[in-house]
Protein backbone atom coordinates (compact mmCIF):
# COMPACT_ATOMS: atom_id res chain seq x y z
CA UNK A 1 27.14 14.85 -14.41
CA UNK A 2 26.35 11.35 -13.10
CA UNK A 3 23.62 10.57 -10.60
CA UNK A 4 26.04 9.96 -7.67
CA UNK A 5 27.60 13.28 -8.41
CA UNK A 6 24.20 14.99 -8.40
CA UNK A 7 23.50 13.30 -5.06
CA UNK A 8 26.61 14.78 -3.64
CA UNK A 9 25.69 18.31 -4.50
CA UNK A 10 24.93 20.69 -1.69
CA UNK A 11 22.22 23.25 -1.54
CA UNK A 12 22.86 26.43 0.28
CA UNK A 13 20.98 29.48 1.33
CA UNK A 14 22.59 32.80 1.13
CA UNK A 15 21.44 35.90 2.90
CA UNK A 16 22.80 39.35 3.19
CA UNK A 17 22.93 41.56 6.38
CA UNK A 18 23.98 45.08 6.85
CA UNK A 19 25.54 46.17 10.02
CA UNK A 20 27.02 49.44 11.26
CA UNK A 21 30.32 49.02 12.85
CA UNK A 22 32.67 51.99 13.85
CA UNK A 23 30.47 54.25 11.96
CA UNK A 24 30.89 52.28 8.76
CA UNK A 25 28.37 50.31 6.94
CA UNK A 26 29.38 46.62 6.75
CA UNK A 27 27.80 43.84 4.65
CA UNK A 28 27.83 40.30 5.88
CA UNK A 29 27.05 37.35 3.61
CA UNK A 30 25.76 34.34 5.34
CA UNK A 31 25.77 30.85 3.85
CA UNK A 32 23.73 27.99 5.51
CA UNK A 33 23.74 24.45 4.14
CA UNK A 34 20.17 23.45 3.68
CA UNK A 35 20.83 20.07 1.84
CA UNK A 36 19.61 17.82 4.65
CA UNK A 37 16.43 19.93 5.16
CA UNK A 38 15.62 19.95 1.39
CA UNK A 39 16.25 16.03 1.22
CA UNK A 40 13.98 15.45 4.10
CA UNK A 41 11.23 17.50 2.66
CA UNK A 42 11.51 15.55 -0.65
CA UNK A 43 11.38 12.11 1.17
CA UNK A 44 8.54 13.22 3.23
CA UNK A 45 6.73 14.35 0.03
CA UNK A 46 7.50 11.07 -1.58
CA UNK A 47 6.33 9.09 1.52
CA UNK A 48 2.96 10.95 1.57
CA UNK A 49 2.52 10.63 -2.22
CA UNK A 50 3.06 6.77 -1.92
CA UNK A 51 0.58 6.59 0.97
CA UNK A 52 -2.14 8.51 -1.13
CA UNK A 53 -1.39 6.28 -4.19
CA UNK A 54 -1.82 3.30 -1.99
CA UNK A 55 -5.18 4.56 -0.66
CA UNK A 56 -6.62 5.47 -3.91
CA UNK A 57 -5.52 2.36 -5.69
CA UNK A 58 -6.93 0.24 -3.01
CA UNK A 59 -10.33 1.88 -3.14
CA UNK A 60 -10.20 1.60 -6.95
CA UNK A 61 -9.33 -2.22 -6.70
CA UNK A 62 -12.16 -2.88 -4.18
CA UNK A 63 -15.01 -2.23 -6.66
CA UNK A 64 -14.01 -4.83 -9.35
CA UNK A 65 -13.09 -7.32 -6.59
CA UNK A 66 -16.74 -7.04 -5.29
CA UNK A 67 -18.23 -7.29 -8.87
CA UNK A 68 -16.10 -10.67 -9.38
CA UNK A 69 -17.38 -11.78 -6.08
CA UNK A 70 -20.92 -11.09 -6.94
CA UNK A 71 -20.58 -12.76 -10.17
CA UNK A 72 -19.09 -15.87 -8.62
CA UNK A 73 -21.85 -16.07 -6.24
CA UNK A 74 -24.36 -15.95 -9.01
CA UNK A 75 -22.67 -18.55 -10.89
CA UNK A 76 -22.39 -20.83 -7.91
CA UNK A 77 -26.26 -20.79 -7.69
CA UNK A 78 -26.70 -22.17 -11.23
CA UNK A 79 -23.57 -24.44 -11.82
CA UNK A 80 -24.19 -28.16 -11.77
CA UNK A 81 -20.89 -29.72 -12.50
CA UNK A 82 -18.60 -30.70 -9.57
CA UNK A 83 -15.50 -29.62 -11.31
CA UNK A 84 -16.89 -26.09 -12.12
CA UNK A 85 -18.29 -25.78 -8.62
CA UNK A 86 -14.55 -26.50 -7.50
CA UNK A 87 -13.35 -23.86 -9.73
CA UNK A 88 -15.83 -21.41 -8.67
CA UNK A 89 -15.37 -22.06 -4.96
CA UNK A 90 -11.51 -21.62 -5.42
CA UNK A 91 -12.31 -18.30 -7.24
CA UNK A 92 -14.52 -17.23 -4.44
CA UNK A 93 -11.98 -17.94 -1.92
CA UNK A 94 -9.24 -16.06 -3.89
CA UNK A 95 -11.46 -13.06 -4.12
CA UNK A 96 -12.14 -12.93 -0.35
CA UNK A 97 -8.44 -13.21 0.41
CA UNK A 98 -7.79 -10.37 -2.26
CA UNK A 99 -10.46 -8.51 -0.58
CA UNK A 100 -8.91 -8.73 2.70
CA UNK A 101 -5.49 -7.92 1.52
CA UNK A 102 -7.03 -4.80 -0.12
CA UNK A 103 -8.79 -3.92 3.27
CA UNK A 104 -5.30 -4.45 4.94
CA UNK A 105 -3.73 -1.89 2.87
CA UNK A 106 -6.49 0.72 3.60
CA UNK A 107 -6.35 -0.16 7.42
CA UNK A 108 -2.42 0.27 7.16
CA UNK A 109 -3.00 3.61 5.53
CA UNK A 110 -5.47 4.71 8.25
CA UNK A 111 -3.00 3.56 11.04
CA UNK A 112 -0.12 5.49 9.40
CA UNK A 113 -2.29 8.58 9.37
CA UNK A 114 -3.45 7.96 13.05
CA UNK A 115 -7.12 8.11 11.91
CA UNK A 116 -8.33 5.10 13.37
CA UNK A 117 -10.88 3.50 15.80
CA UNK A 118 -10.42 0.17 17.54
CA UNK A 119 -12.93 -2.45 16.29
CA UNK A 120 -12.71 -5.89 17.54
CA UNK A 121 -13.67 -8.62 15.24
CA UNK A 122 -14.16 -12.35 15.87
CA UNK A 123 -13.29 -14.67 12.95
CA UNK A 124 -13.23 -18.36 12.71
CA UNK A 125 -9.62 -19.49 12.14
CA UNK A 126 -10.50 -22.84 10.65
CA UNK A 127 -12.77 -21.20 8.15
CA UNK A 128 -10.02 -18.84 7.09
CA UNK A 129 -7.62 -21.70 6.88
CA UNK A 130 -10.32 -23.79 4.93
CA UNK A 131 -10.74 -20.71 2.50
CA UNK A 132 -6.98 -20.47 2.01
CA UNK A 133 -6.66 -24.19 1.16
CA UNK A 134 -9.64 -23.93 -1.26
CA UNK A 135 -7.67 -21.42 -3.29
CA UNK A 136 -4.83 -23.77 -3.87
CA UNK A 137 -6.89 -26.95 -3.89
CA UNK A 138 -7.85 -27.12 -7.62
CA UNK A 139 -4.25 -26.29 -8.77
CA UNK A 140 -3.06 -29.10 -6.40
CA UNK A 141 -5.46 -31.70 -7.57
CA UNK A 142 -4.41 -30.93 -11.31
CA UNK A 143 -0.71 -31.66 -10.11
CA UNK A 144 -1.89 -34.84 -8.21
CA UNK A 145 -1.25 -33.37 -5.04
CA UNK A 146 -3.67 -33.93 -2.15
CA UNK A 147 -4.18 -30.89 0.25
CA UNK A 148 -6.34 -31.28 3.51
CA UNK A 149 -7.25 -29.18 6.54
């Protein structure tokens, strides 16, 4: 049976009732199509599983990101060459962005579960843009492209 044919199969629930009618015992078989209900339950289960996977994966990614950030910060204190500094700065900016995206995934999961509290955060848009450009700057320089803010 093909997958398309399997998707077209219907799921029914049978139930049997016994009634007394004109002093005779009668049996009634009832049939109810529960395909949509089963499909909805499966879709709901899959959506919840995906949300859990996203949350767990985001938490597991966060620790290595923080470790790499700390290593880059440590290297930045000892590096002397300008080219190495540019590479490390680009790496630091990339890790900050990756950390923000990971936090966004966690925030989305919290919002979807309606477990959130409003926290206002101020940020410097120019610094954010500068960090984003720093990630691309080294690769652009290699290709002879100048990128500025």
